[in-house]
């Protein structure tokens, strides 16, 4: 009985320690990656503003070929929405809406995740002309984790994972833009 009590108290102490540690871990998640594309800013912006085009370069849109996708509104305009529904655990169910467009400069999105957990985040793409035929594209993500999930995500390396996926998407975008136009 004494051993069982010691084990239980140790487990409770460890759980309490983890919860206390999570209190000090940042809840905000900010990831930003960039790539240089050898195409004029107008061409790049016109391509990336279209939600349907993300199907060919976004890692998340290619994970599950059986994913159901629907679109609402006029693609490439404020208010356009893409919805997805997948049985794949890394994709889940959610939607993305274009919330702001600044021609040849910036697109802001709101991401609404429904499954496997409910959450809202913001994403953006910035296009900057570096010369007449070269564009810097920045893809960013901002979200906030609930306590104590902030610790779980930190331990899982979610920031690095998201960063790698954004960079992979940007590299694919670069290959497509430079190879197909």
Foldseek 3Di string as FASTA:
>chain_A
DVVVVVVVVVVVVVVVVLLVVLVPFFFKAKAKDKDKAQAALQVLLVQVLFPVSLCQQQPLNPPDPPKDKDWDDDGSDFQIKIWIDDPDQVRHTWMKGFHDDDRSFKTKIWIFHVPPHTFIWIKMWTWDGPDRRMIMIMIMIMGGHDPPVSSVCVVVVVNVVVNVSVVRSNVSSNCCVRPPD
